[in-house]
Amino acid sequence: MSKIETGGPAFPRPFHETVDGNFSIAQTGMSLRDFIATHALAGMLASDHIWEHIRGMTEIAPNDKAKRLGAARTAYAYADAMLAARGGDRD
């Protein structure tokens, strides 16, 4: 199984000392892949066409849980494609 490219942190905040001598703890937050997938899913759910697609999945996704999982996997597929394009991979 190949390693999933996450794109690194979406909103990294490095460890640093503030002007008043306090310290800010480093945080990575969600990955760029998660951030892109979240927006892809939001766009899909805002579109009337996604419901036609989900209804079309009835044979391969016989219940609501399976349909939601299919929509989430689709969102991550879009995120993976965007990360590949960002890295120069055009396949």
Protein backbone atom coordinates (compact mmCIF):
# COMPACT_ATOMS: atom_id res chain seq x y z
CA MET A 1 0.00 0.00 0.00
CA SER A 2 1.43 3.36 -0.99
CA LYS A 3 1.73 6.26 1.41
CA ILE A 4 -1.10 8.79 1.13
CA GLU A 5 0.15 12.28 0.31
CA THR A 6 -1.52 14.66 2.77
CA GLY A 7 0.02 17.88 1.49
CA GLY A 8 1.29 18.67 4.97
CA PRO A 9 -0.52 20.84 7.49
CA ALA A 10 -3.18 23.21 6.15
CA PHE A 11 -2.56 25.89 8.77
CA PRO A 12 0.80 25.31 10.43
CA ARG A 13 1.77 27.45 13.35
CA PRO A 14 5.42 27.04 14.37
CA PHE A 15 6.72 27.15 17.93
CA HIS A 16 8.00 30.62 18.72
CA GLU A 17 8.68 33.06 21.51
CA THR A 18 6.32 36.02 21.63
CA VAL A 19 7.33 39.64 22.19
CA ASP A 20 6.40 39.46 25.88
CA GLY A 21 8.58 36.39 26.48
CA ASN A 22 5.82 33.77 26.38
CA PHE A 23 5.94 30.79 24.10
CA SER A 24 3.48 29.74 21.43
CA ILE A 25 3.10 25.99 21.10
CA ALA A 26 3.47 24.60 17.59
CA GLN A 27 0.28 23.27 16.02
CA THR A 28 -0.24 21.58 12.71
CA GLY A 29 -4.04 21.37 12.62
CA MET A 30 -5.68 19.39 9.87
CA SER A 31 -3.82 18.26 6.80
CA LEU A 32 -4.17 20.05 3.49
CA ARG A 33 -5.78 16.85 2.13
CA ASP A 34 -8.47 16.99 4.84
CA PHE A 35 -9.03 20.70 4.18
CA ILE A 36 -9.49 20.16 0.43
CA ALA A 37 -11.74 17.12 0.98
CA THR A 38 -13.90 19.13 3.41
CA HIS A 39 -14.47 21.82 0.81
CA ALA A 40 -15.04 19.28 -1.96
CA LEU A 41 -17.69 17.54 0.14
CA ALA A 42 -19.37 20.85 1.03
CA GLY A 43 -19.55 21.73 -2.66
CA MET A 44 -20.89 18.30 -3.55
CA LEU A 45 -23.59 18.48 -0.88
CA ALA A 46 -24.61 21.99 -1.98
CA SER A 47 -25.23 20.72 -5.50
CA ASP A 48 -28.48 19.11 -6.57
CA HIS A 49 -26.46 16.80 -8.82
CA ILE A 50 -24.84 14.94 -5.93
CA TRP A 51 -28.21 13.57 -4.87
CA GLU A 52 -28.74 12.17 -8.37
CA HIS A 53 -25.29 10.57 -8.11
CA ILE A 54 -26.02 9.16 -4.64
CA ARG A 55 -29.37 7.79 -5.79
CA GLY A 56 -27.49 6.14 -8.64
CA MET A 57 -25.25 4.41 -6.10
CA THR A 58 -28.18 2.48 -4.60
CA GLU A 59 -27.15 -0.81 -6.16
CA ILE A 60 -23.57 -0.60 -4.89
CA ALA A 61 -24.44 1.27 -1.67
CA PRO A 62 -27.64 -0.26 -0.34
CA ASN A 63 -27.96 1.93 2.77
CA ASP A 64 -27.49 5.53 3.87
CA LYS A 65 -24.24 4.83 5.75
CA ALA A 66 -22.70 3.30 2.64
CA LYS A 67 -23.87 6.26 0.53
CA ARG A 68 -22.31 8.76 2.96
CA LEU A 69 -19.08 6.77 2.93
CA GLY A 70 -19.14 6.83 -0.88
CA ALA A 71 -19.58 10.62 -0.89
CA ALA A 72 -16.70 11.03 1.58
CA ARG A 73 -14.44 8.78 -0.50
CA THR A 74 -15.31 10.83 -3.57
CA ALA A 75 -14.35 14.03 -1.74
CA TYR A 76 -10.97 12.51 -0.82
CA ALA A 77 -10.49 11.39 -4.43
CA TYR A 78 -10.91 15.03 -5.49
CA ALA A 79 -8.46 16.12 -2.79
CA ASP A 80 -5.92 13.53 -3.96
CA ALA A 81 -6.29 14.76 -7.54
CA MET A 82 -5.75 18.37 -6.47
CA LEU A 83 -2.64 17.45 -4.49
CA ALA A 84 -1.31 15.48 -7.47
CA ALA A 85 -1.89 18.45 -9.77
CA ARG A 86 -0.19 20.73 -7.27
CA GLY A 87 2.85 18.48 -7.31
CA GLY A 88 3.01 18.39 -11.09
CA ASP A 89 1.49 14.89 -11.49
CA ARG A 90 -0.88 15.14 -14.45
CA ASP A 91 -1.97 11.46 -14.70
